Protein backbone atom coordinates (compact mmCIF):
# COMPACT_ATOMS: atom_id res chain seq x y z
CA MET A 1 -13.55 -115.31 -116.88
CA GLU A 2 -15.06 -113.76 -113.73
CA ASP A 3 -15.80 -110.52 -115.56
CA ARG A 4 -17.67 -112.38 -118.27
CA ILE A 5 -19.77 -114.29 -115.71
CA LEU A 6 -20.61 -111.11 -113.85
CA TRP A 7 -21.44 -109.28 -117.08
CA ASN A 8 -23.76 -112.09 -118.16
CA ARG A 9 -25.64 -111.85 -114.85
CA VAL A 10 -26.05 -108.10 -115.30
CA ALA A 11 -27.07 -108.50 -118.93
CA ARG A 12 -29.88 -110.86 -117.91
CA THR A 13 -31.47 -108.11 -115.82
CA THR A 14 -31.91 -105.86 -118.83
CA GLU A 15 -34.51 -105.90 -121.56
CA PRO A 16 -33.26 -106.42 -125.12
CA LEU A 17 -33.89 -103.71 -127.71
CA GLN A 18 -36.97 -104.10 -129.83
CA GLY A 19 -36.37 -106.78 -132.45
CA LYS A 20 -33.28 -108.18 -130.67
CA VAL A 21 -33.06 -111.48 -128.83
CA LEU A 22 -30.95 -112.00 -125.70
CA GLU A 23 -28.73 -115.04 -126.12
CA GLU A 24 -28.46 -117.13 -122.98
CA PRO A 25 -24.80 -117.97 -122.29
CA ALA A 26 -23.92 -121.35 -120.83
CA GLU A 27 -23.93 -121.30 -117.03
CA PRO A 28 -20.45 -122.03 -115.61
CA ASP A 29 -19.80 -124.98 -113.33
CA ASP A 30 -20.57 -124.75 -109.61
CA ASP A 31 -16.93 -124.29 -108.55
CA THR A 32 -16.57 -121.16 -110.69
CA MET A 33 -19.85 -119.71 -109.38
CA ALA A 34 -18.87 -120.39 -105.75
CA GLU A 35 -15.53 -118.64 -106.29
CA LEU A 36 -17.22 -115.69 -108.01
CA THR A 37 -19.74 -115.36 -105.20
CA ARG A 38 -16.92 -115.42 -102.63
CA LEU A 39 -14.96 -112.74 -104.52
CA VAL A 40 -18.00 -110.49 -104.97
CA ALA A 41 -18.87 -110.80 -101.26
CA LYS A 42 -15.29 -110.02 -100.25
CA ASP A 43 -15.17 -107.00 -102.58
CA THR A 44 -18.50 -105.72 -101.27
CA LYS A 45 -17.26 -105.91 -97.68
CA LEU A 46 -14.13 -103.96 -98.59
CA ARG A 47 -16.01 -101.22 -100.45
CA ASP A 48 -19.02 -100.80 -98.18
CA PRO A 49 -18.05 -101.07 -94.51
CA THR A 50 -20.81 -100.56 -92.00
CA PRO A 51 -20.67 -97.13 -90.35
CA ALA A 52 -20.02 -98.67 -86.94
CA ALA A 53 -17.08 -100.70 -88.26
CA ALA A 54 -15.68 -97.88 -90.38
CA SER A 55 -12.70 -96.20 -88.82
CA PRO A 56 -10.49 -93.43 -90.14
CA ARG A 57 -7.59 -94.73 -92.19
CA PRO A 58 -4.16 -94.28 -90.72
CA ALA A 59 -2.03 -91.85 -92.67
CA PRO A 60 0.17 -93.90 -95.01
CA ALA A 61 3.11 -91.63 -94.31
CA ARG A 62 3.22 -92.83 -90.69
CA ALA A 63 2.46 -96.48 -91.35
CA HIS A 64 6.04 -97.45 -92.21
CA PRO A 65 9.52 -97.28 -90.65
CA THR A 66 10.52 -94.01 -92.35
CA ARG A 67 9.73 -91.16 -89.98
CA ALA A 68 7.24 -88.44 -90.67
CA ILE A 69 8.51 -84.95 -91.34
CA ASP A 70 8.34 -82.85 -88.17
CA ARG A 71 5.30 -80.57 -87.87
CA PRO A 72 7.18 -77.20 -88.08
CA THR A 73 8.96 -78.27 -91.27
CA HIS A 74 5.70 -79.60 -92.74
CA ASN A 75 3.97 -76.29 -91.98
CA LYS A 76 6.78 -74.29 -93.60
CA LEU A 77 6.61 -76.46 -96.73
CA ALA A 78 2.81 -76.17 -96.84
CA ARG A 79 2.92 -72.36 -96.56
CA GLY A 80 5.72 -71.96 -99.08
CA ARG A 81 8.16 -70.61 -96.49
CA LEU A 82 10.50 -73.54 -97.12
CA MET A 83 11.15 -74.20 -100.79
CA LEU A 84 10.49 -77.51 -102.51
CA GLU A 85 13.65 -78.04 -104.52
CA GLY A 86 12.29 -80.64 -106.91
CA ARG A 87 9.19 -82.51 -107.96
CA VAL A 88 8.36 -85.68 -109.84
CA ASP A 89 4.96 -86.74 -111.16
CA LEU A 90 4.28 -90.48 -111.24
CA HIS A 91 0.75 -90.21 -112.71
CA GLY A 92 -0.09 -92.83 -115.30
CA LEU A 93 2.99 -94.97 -114.74
CA THR A 94 3.04 -98.65 -113.89
CA GLN A 95 4.49 -99.62 -110.52
CA SER A 96 7.79 -100.73 -112.03
CA GLU A 97 8.10 -97.55 -114.13
CA ALA A 98 7.20 -95.37 -111.13
CA HIS A 99 9.68 -97.21 -108.89
CA SER A 100 12.52 -96.76 -111.39
CA LEU A 101 11.72 -93.09 -112.01
CA LEU A 102 11.41 -92.38 -108.29
CA LEU A 103 14.72 -94.07 -107.47
CA SER A 104 16.49 -92.19 -110.24
CA PHE A 105 14.92 -88.85 -109.26
CA LEU A 106 15.68 -89.21 -105.54
CA ASN A 107 19.27 -90.32 -106.18
CA ARG A 108 19.86 -87.27 -108.40
CA ALA A 109 18.17 -84.94 -105.94
CA HIS A 110 20.24 -86.32 -103.05
CA ALA A 111 23.44 -86.06 -105.07
CA ASP A 112 22.58 -82.43 -105.89
CA GLY A 113 22.17 -81.66 -102.18
CA MET A 114 18.39 -81.17 -102.26
CA ARG A 115 16.58 -81.61 -98.95
CA HIS A 116 12.82 -81.32 -99.69
CA VAL A 117 11.06 -82.63 -102.78
CA LEU A 118 7.47 -83.30 -103.82
CA VAL A 119 6.40 -86.69 -105.20
CA ILE A 120 3.01 -86.70 -106.92
CA THR A 121 1.34 -90.11 -106.98
CA GLY A 122 -2.25 -89.08 -107.65
CA LYS A 123 -5.14 -90.11 -105.45
CA GLY A 124 -6.01 -93.15 -107.51
CA ALA A 125 -9.74 -92.87 -106.90
CA SER A 126 -10.81 -94.85 -109.96
CA PHE A 127 -12.88 -97.99 -109.51
CA GLY A 128 -13.02 -97.61 -105.73
CA SER A 129 -9.25 -97.93 -105.37
CA ASP A 130 -7.24 -95.82 -103.00
CA GLY A 131 -4.32 -95.61 -105.38
CA VAL A 132 -1.71 -98.25 -106.08
CA LEU A 133 1.19 -95.79 -106.25
CA ARG A 134 -0.09 -93.84 -103.24
CA ARG A 135 -0.08 -97.03 -101.16
CA ALA A 136 3.22 -98.31 -102.55
CA LEU A 137 5.30 -95.14 -102.09
CA PRO A 138 5.73 -95.38 -98.29
CA ARG A 139 6.64 -99.08 -98.57
CA TRP A 140 9.20 -98.34 -101.27
CA LEU A 141 10.82 -95.59 -99.21
CA ALA A 142 11.36 -98.04 -96.34
CA THR A 143 13.39 -100.40 -98.55
CA PRO A 144 17.21 -100.33 -98.82
CA PRO A 145 17.58 -98.45 -102.11
CA PHE A 146 15.64 -95.51 -100.65
CA ALA A 147 16.24 -95.82 -96.90
CA GLY A 148 19.82 -94.58 -97.23
CA ILE A 149 18.74 -91.24 -98.70
CA VAL A 150 15.23 -90.57 -97.33
CA SER A 151 14.82 -89.27 -93.78
CA GLY A 152 11.11 -88.42 -93.76
CA ILE A 153 7.82 -88.47 -95.61
CA ASP A 154 4.49 -86.78 -95.03
CA GLU A 155 1.32 -86.20 -97.00
CA ALA A 156 1.44 -82.90 -98.84
CA SER A 157 -0.83 -80.00 -98.00
CA ARG A 158 -3.87 -79.31 -100.16
CA ARG A 159 -1.91 -76.57 -101.92
CA HIS A 160 0.60 -79.13 -103.20
CA GLY A 161 -1.80 -81.95 -104.05
CA GLY A 162 -3.11 -83.14 -100.68
CA GLY A 163 -3.73 -86.87 -100.57
CA GLY A 164 -2.26 -87.31 -104.04
CA ALA A 165 1.23 -86.05 -103.18
CA PHE A 166 3.93 -86.46 -100.56
CA TYR A 167 6.68 -84.26 -99.16
CA ILE A 168 9.95 -86.19 -99.02
CA ARG A 169 12.82 -85.03 -96.85
CA LEU A 170 16.19 -86.28 -98.03
CA LYS A 171 19.16 -86.92 -95.79
CA ARG A 172 22.05 -84.50 -96.02
CA SER A 173 24.39 -85.32 -98.86
CA HIS A 174 28.01 -85.90 -97.93
CA ARG A 175 28.98 -84.02 -101.11
CA SER A 176 27.04 -80.91 -100.17
CA GLY A 177 29.51 -80.15 -97.37
CA MET A 178 26.78 -79.46 -94.78
């Protein structure tokens, strides 16, 4: 409904093609218009902060209870001196599909004794978003299904996907004998 109202407002600012007539849609009631105005104002504030109010975003990898990967390990992973033992790409998946795939992948990797894996979420830069999966991943890793196997997370280096990927450090597996 809101999309249609907004589209009609935009359509009124254009000129119809030669020989075509612009049909005037019925104006919605005042309650709908007030709500639309509130939503548009809220969205505008979120997308266009004033330079004085804009502050750098905190790294999502450090904004949750799971610890960040220590700097020396991160540097070794970034330079290829420490091998990534697995990778999973969550591009194009819904949140529920991505959550299931991630849980399955990390459980298998942990059972196989892997310690460092790469999870690719994508940057999610469409329509002004900062990425649903990118934001959700750190929250998921702090929940009980993941917390028992994940010991650290950090944003990947540019070489491995930068802001669209994360290094995940898994806890030592009891089966691996280490």
